[in-house]
Amino acid sequence: MTHLKIDLALLPINGRDEFRLKHDIAGNFKISEALDLCQEVGIINLIVHHFGMFAYNTVSYDDLERLKKKSSKSLRIIIPEVDVVYKIRR
């Protein structure tokens, strides 16, 4: 475990799988990979993005709800909404 503390990361979480690979669709982080990276390098605020843009290349709403529940004191997970302003304070 690192001693670094990184204030903010913006990570794309639409995932990767065989369907995307077979259809030449570039994937990004799986949710579990994004969370592992945050823990490994000491990220304390995570804004996830790159979901919901295309029906064939996204994570499910249920996955986002489960992700939201994983937010804690050591990792604040932000699932952005349209027309909402977010302020990150130290």
Protein backbone atom coordinates (compact mmCIF):
# COMPACT_ATOMS: atom_id res chain seq x y z
CA MET A 1 0.00 0.00 0.00
CA THR A 2 1.29 3.42 -0.91
CA HIS A 3 1.49 6.47 1.32
CA LEU A 4 0.48 8.82 -1.50
CA LYS A 5 -2.81 10.64 -1.32
CA ILE A 6 -4.13 11.80 -4.67
CA ASP A 7 -6.97 14.30 -4.33
CA LEU A 8 -8.90 13.49 -7.50
CA ALA A 9 -9.08 11.00 -10.34
CA LEU A 10 -11.49 10.97 -13.27
CA LEU A 11 -11.75 7.42 -14.57
CA PRO A 12 -13.82 6.01 -17.45
CA ILE A 13 -15.76 2.94 -16.28
CA ASN A 14 -17.66 1.60 -19.24
CA GLY A 15 -15.76 -1.69 -18.95
CA ARG A 16 -14.27 -4.23 -21.34
CA ASP A 17 -15.57 -7.62 -22.43
CA GLU A 18 -15.66 -10.11 -25.33
CA PHE A 19 -18.61 -8.38 -27.02
CA ARG A 20 -16.74 -5.10 -27.21
CA LEU A 21 -13.53 -6.79 -28.32
CA LYS A 22 -15.32 -8.68 -31.13
CA HIS A 23 -16.94 -5.46 -32.35
CA ASP A 24 -13.77 -3.32 -32.20
CA ILE A 25 -15.18 -1.21 -29.36
CA ALA A 26 -12.52 0.22 -27.11
CA GLY A 27 -13.33 -0.42 -23.49
CA ASN A 28 -12.06 1.29 -20.39
CA PHE A 29 -11.86 0.43 -16.70
CA LYS A 30 -14.15 -2.16 -15.21
CA ILE A 31 -15.61 -0.84 -11.95
CA SER A 32 -13.50 -3.28 -9.93
CA GLU A 33 -10.32 -2.12 -11.70
CA ALA A 34 -11.07 1.54 -11.00
CA LEU A 35 -11.65 0.80 -7.31
CA ASP A 36 -8.46 -1.28 -7.11
CA LEU A 37 -6.45 1.54 -8.68
CA CYS A 38 -7.87 4.06 -6.21
CA GLN A 39 -6.93 1.85 -3.29
CA GLU A 40 -3.49 1.02 -4.65
CA VAL A 41 -2.37 4.60 -5.30
CA GLY A 42 -4.31 6.43 -2.59
CA ILE A 43 -6.96 8.27 -4.60
CA ILE A 44 -9.43 9.91 -2.22
CA ASN A 45 -12.00 11.36 -4.67
CA LEU A 46 -13.11 9.46 -7.75
CA ILE A 47 -15.34 10.89 -10.43
CA VAL A 48 -16.44 8.12 -12.75
CA HIS A 49 -17.44 8.87 -16.32
CA HIS A 50 -17.86 7.42 -19.80
CA PHE A 51 -21.02 5.52 -18.92
CA GLY A 52 -24.45 5.97 -20.44
CA MET A 53 -23.09 7.48 -23.65
CA PHE A 54 -23.89 4.49 -25.88
CA ALA A 55 -26.34 1.68 -25.10
CA TYR A 56 -23.89 -0.98 -26.31
CA ASN A 57 -20.91 0.40 -24.38
CA THR A 58 -21.83 1.20 -20.78
CA VAL A 59 -22.28 -0.19 -17.29
CA SER A 60 -25.74 -0.81 -15.93
CA TYR A 61 -27.67 1.54 -13.66
CA ASP A 62 -27.63 -1.25 -11.03
CA ASP A 63 -23.82 -1.34 -11.22
CA LEU A 64 -23.71 2.43 -10.66
CA GLU A 65 -26.03 2.13 -7.65
CA ARG A 66 -23.79 -0.57 -6.15
CA LEU A 67 -20.74 1.58 -6.85
CA LYS A 68 -22.33 4.58 -5.12
CA LYS A 69 -22.74 2.47 -1.95
CA LYS A 70 -18.97 1.81 -1.85
CA SER A 71 -18.19 5.44 -1.13
CA SER A 72 -16.44 5.84 2.23
CA LYS A 73 -14.29 8.20 4.28
CA SER A 74 -11.18 6.96 2.47
CA LEU A 75 -12.70 7.08 -1.04
CA ARG A 76 -15.46 9.44 -2.08
CA ILE A 77 -17.09 8.13 -5.27
CA ILE A 78 -18.92 10.67 -7.39
CA ILE A 79 -21.28 9.57 -10.13
CA PRO A 80 -21.90 12.81 -12.01
CA GLU A 81 -25.30 13.98 -13.10
CA VAL A 82 -26.11 16.39 -15.91
CA ASP A 83 -26.52 20.05 -14.87
CA VAL A 84 -25.00 19.51 -11.41
CA VAL A 85 -21.92 21.46 -10.26
CA TYR A 86 -19.46 19.53 -8.13
CA LYS A 87 -16.96 21.14 -5.78
CA ILE A 88 -14.16 19.09 -4.31
CA ARG A 89 -12.82 20.42 -1.03
CA ARG A 90 -9.70 19.27 0.72
